[in-house]
Amino acid sequence: MGQIMASMPESAFYFHLAAVTMLLLGLALYRAVSHVMATPDGRKARAQRLALVTAGRLLALGGIWTAIAYGHGAWERAGAHNCRHLPSLDAAARYAAEYCYLGRERVLLRIYGVERDRVLAQRTFNSSGPVRLSWDGQAVVFDAAAPGKAGRLALPPTLGDRLLARLP
């Protein structure tokens, strides 16, 4: 089974995972409706109780999913290696940049403030070739071909970027 999973493309794995999830959700919905409609007496109370239980389970599932996704990202960032500093445009620059390789063609970009001891923002992006970062005056460009602002990290970093940079 492990060899089959390893040889399957990542997108196919997620497609099959989504199909199994939809099947399980359909069965759960059928069971819930059957439970509520079983007898005419107390339908409203059963429906309210079922709604509360379902909401609690969905919140728990969302929390678990968030923890798993964050844990995977933190684990990946902990393995950063071959870090290189991007030279600033001038000596009085307010920001410094650093990029590190994570493996599987992934790169971690970090932006530091003047003190150079605190990360102000960080992004993880895909790069199959050599990393080409450039200062744009108002952003660090890590993917010039990306549509819109997807390949840029704005300077000064947004509040969301600053908050996410404080997490491990």
Protein backbone atom coordinates (compact mmCIF):
# COMPACT_ATOMS: atom_id res chain seq x y z
CA MET A 1 0.00 0.00 0.00
CA GLY A 2 2.84 2.40 0.83
CA GLN A 3 4.42 1.90 -2.59
CA ILE A 4 1.13 2.65 -4.30
CA MET A 5 0.78 5.88 -2.31
CA ALA A 6 4.38 6.89 -3.07
CA SER A 7 3.97 6.34 -6.82
CA MET A 8 0.66 8.24 -7.01
CA PRO A 9 0.92 11.93 -7.99
CA GLU A 10 0.07 14.29 -5.16
CA SER A 11 -2.97 15.70 -6.99
CA ALA A 12 -4.40 12.19 -7.47
CA PHE A 13 -4.01 11.50 -3.75
CA TYR A 14 -5.97 14.63 -2.87
CA PHE A 15 -8.65 13.77 -5.46
CA HIS A 16 -9.14 10.33 -3.90
CA LEU A 17 -9.13 11.83 -0.41
CA ALA A 18 -11.83 14.29 -1.46
CA ALA A 19 -13.90 11.48 -3.02
CA VAL A 20 -13.76 9.40 0.17
CA THR A 21 -14.62 12.49 2.23
CA MET A 22 -17.65 13.25 0.05
CA LEU A 23 -18.81 9.64 0.36
CA LEU A 24 -18.53 9.77 4.14
CA LEU A 25 -20.33 13.12 4.29
CA GLY A 26 -23.15 11.72 2.15
CA LEU A 27 -23.54 8.73 4.45
CA ALA A 28 -23.51 10.97 7.54
CA LEU A 29 -26.16 13.23 6.00
CA TYR A 30 -28.37 10.25 5.15
CA ARG A 31 -28.00 8.91 8.70
CA ALA A 32 -28.78 12.33 10.21
CA VAL A 33 -31.94 12.83 8.14
CA SER A 34 -33.07 9.28 8.92
CA HIS A 35 -32.54 9.89 12.63
CA VAL A 36 -34.49 13.16 12.63
CA MET A 37 -37.36 11.82 10.52
CA ALA A 38 -37.61 8.46 12.36
CA THR A 39 -40.74 9.37 14.31
CA PRO A 40 -42.97 12.45 14.30
CA ASP A 41 -42.61 12.98 18.05
CA GLY A 42 -39.66 15.19 19.02
CA ARG A 43 -38.37 15.94 15.52
CA LYS A 44 -37.59 19.55 16.34
CA ALA A 45 -35.59 18.63 19.46
CA ARG A 46 -33.66 15.92 17.58
CA ALA A 47 -32.93 18.33 14.73
CA GLN A 48 -31.67 21.03 17.14
CA ARG A 49 -29.51 18.55 19.06
CA LEU A 50 -28.12 17.17 15.78
CA ALA A 51 -27.37 20.71 14.54
CA LEU A 52 -25.43 21.50 17.73
CA VAL A 53 -23.47 18.25 17.58
CA THR A 54 -22.70 18.80 13.89
CA ALA A 55 -21.54 22.37 14.49
CA GLY A 56 -19.25 21.21 17.30
CA ARG A 57 -17.79 18.45 15.17
CA LEU A 58 -17.18 20.82 12.26
CA LEU A 59 -15.43 23.31 14.56
CA ALA A 60 -13.29 20.52 15.99
CA LEU A 61 -12.48 19.24 12.50
CA GLY A 62 -11.54 22.77 11.38
CA GLY A 63 -9.27 23.17 14.40
CA ILE A 64 -7.59 19.83 13.77
CA TRP A 65 -7.14 20.65 10.07
CA THR A 66 -5.62 24.04 10.93
CA ALA A 67 -3.26 22.46 13.47
CA ILE A 68 -2.13 19.80 10.97
CA ALA A 69 -1.57 22.35 8.19
CA TYR A 70 0.32 24.68 10.51
CA GLY A 71 2.36 21.82 11.98
CA HIS A 72 3.35 20.65 8.49
CA GLY A 73 4.47 24.18 7.59
CA ALA A 74 6.42 24.60 10.84
CA TRP A 75 8.09 21.22 10.32
CA GLU A 76 9.03 22.23 6.78
CA ARG A 77 10.40 25.64 7.88
CA ALA A 78 12.47 23.97 10.62
CA GLY A 79 14.41 22.10 7.92
CA ALA A 80 15.56 25.28 6.16
CA HIS A 81 19.14 25.02 4.89
CA ASN A 82 21.62 26.80 2.61
CA CYS A 83 20.37 30.22 3.67
CA ARG A 84 21.62 33.20 1.69
CA HIS A 85 21.23 36.90 2.40
CA LEU A 86 20.00 39.17 -0.36
CA PRO A 87 22.11 42.32 -0.48
CA SER A 88 20.25 45.54 0.22
CA LEU A 89 20.03 48.35 -2.29
CA ASP A 90 21.97 50.73 -0.05
CA ALA A 91 23.56 50.87 3.39
CA ALA A 92 20.61 52.77 4.87
CA ALA A 93 18.06 50.13 3.84
CA ARG A 94 15.24 49.50 6.29
CA TYR A 95 14.88 45.82 5.42
CA ALA A 96 17.06 42.79 4.76
CA ALA A 97 16.03 39.61 2.97
CA GLU A 98 17.14 36.03 3.31
CA TYR A 99 16.11 32.92 1.42
CA CYS A 100 16.59 29.30 2.45
CA TYR A 101 15.97 26.04 0.65
CA LEU A 102 13.42 23.66 2.15
CA GLY A 103 13.55 20.69 -0.21
CA ARG A 104 11.25 19.47 -2.98
CA GLU A 105 11.77 22.73 -4.90
CA ARG A 106 10.44 24.89 -2.06
CA VAL A 107 12.09 28.08 -0.84
CA LEU A 108 11.52 30.10 2.34
CA LEU A 109 11.82 33.90 2.05
CA ARG A 110 12.31 35.93 5.23
CA ILE A 111 12.27 39.72 5.61
CA TYR A 112 14.13 41.28 8.54
CA GLY A 113 13.88 44.79 9.99
CA VAL A 114 16.70 47.22 10.72
CA GLU A 115 17.82 45.32 13.80
CA ARG A 116 18.22 42.13 11.71
CA ASP A 117 17.29 39.95 14.68
CA ARG A 118 13.52 39.71 14.22
CA VAL A 119 11.68 38.27 11.24
CA LEU A 120 9.03 40.71 9.99
CA ALA A 121 7.56 38.49 7.28
CA GLN A 122 8.10 35.11 5.68
CA ARG A 123 6.72 33.29 2.67
CA THR A 124 7.19 29.84 1.24
CA PHE A 125 7.15 29.49 -2.52
CA ASN A 126 8.02 27.00 -5.26
CA SER A 127 11.16 27.47 -7.34
CA SER A 128 12.40 24.80 -9.73
CA GLY A 129 15.46 26.76 -10.84
CA PRO A 130 17.86 29.16 -9.19
CA VAL A 131 16.25 31.72 -6.89
CA ARG A 132 16.02 35.21 -8.37
CA LEU A 133 14.92 37.79 -5.83
CA SER A 134 14.85 41.50 -6.51
CA TRP A 135 13.94 44.64 -4.61
CA ASP A 136 11.14 46.62 -6.22
CA GLY A 137 11.28 49.60 -3.86
CA GLN A 138 7.91 48.70 -2.34
CA ALA A 139 8.23 44.91 -2.39
CA VAL A 140 10.55 41.95 -2.68
CA VAL A 141 9.77 40.14 -5.93
CA PHE A 142 10.31 36.39 -5.79
CA ASP A 143 8.26 35.40 -8.86
CA ALA A 144 8.05 38.07 -11.54
CA ALA A 145 5.84 35.86 -13.73
CA ALA A 146 3.14 35.40 -11.07
CA PRO A 147 -0.17 37.16 -11.79
CA GLY A 148 -1.05 40.22 -9.75
CA LYS A 149 0.74 40.49 -6.43
CA ALA A 150 1.11 36.75 -5.87
CA GLY A 151 4.86 36.80 -6.52
CA ARG A 152 5.61 39.79 -4.30
CA LEU A 153 6.01 40.41 -0.60
CA ALA A 154 4.98 44.01 0.14
CA LEU A 155 7.15 46.36 2.18
CA PRO A 156 6.41 47.32 4.84
CA PRO A 157 4.91 43.90 5.58
CA THR A 158 1.19 43.75 6.24
CA LEU A 159 -0.17 43.08 9.72
CA GLY A 160 -1.03 39.51 8.69
CA ASP A 161 2.53 38.88 7.48
CA ARG A 162 3.98 40.29 10.71
CA LEU A 163 1.69 38.13 12.87
CA LEU A 164 2.41 34.95 10.90
CA ALA A 165 6.17 35.64 11.08
CA ARG A 166 6.01 35.45 14.90
CA LEU A 167 4.80 31.85 14.80
CA PRO A 168 7.48 29.15 14.74
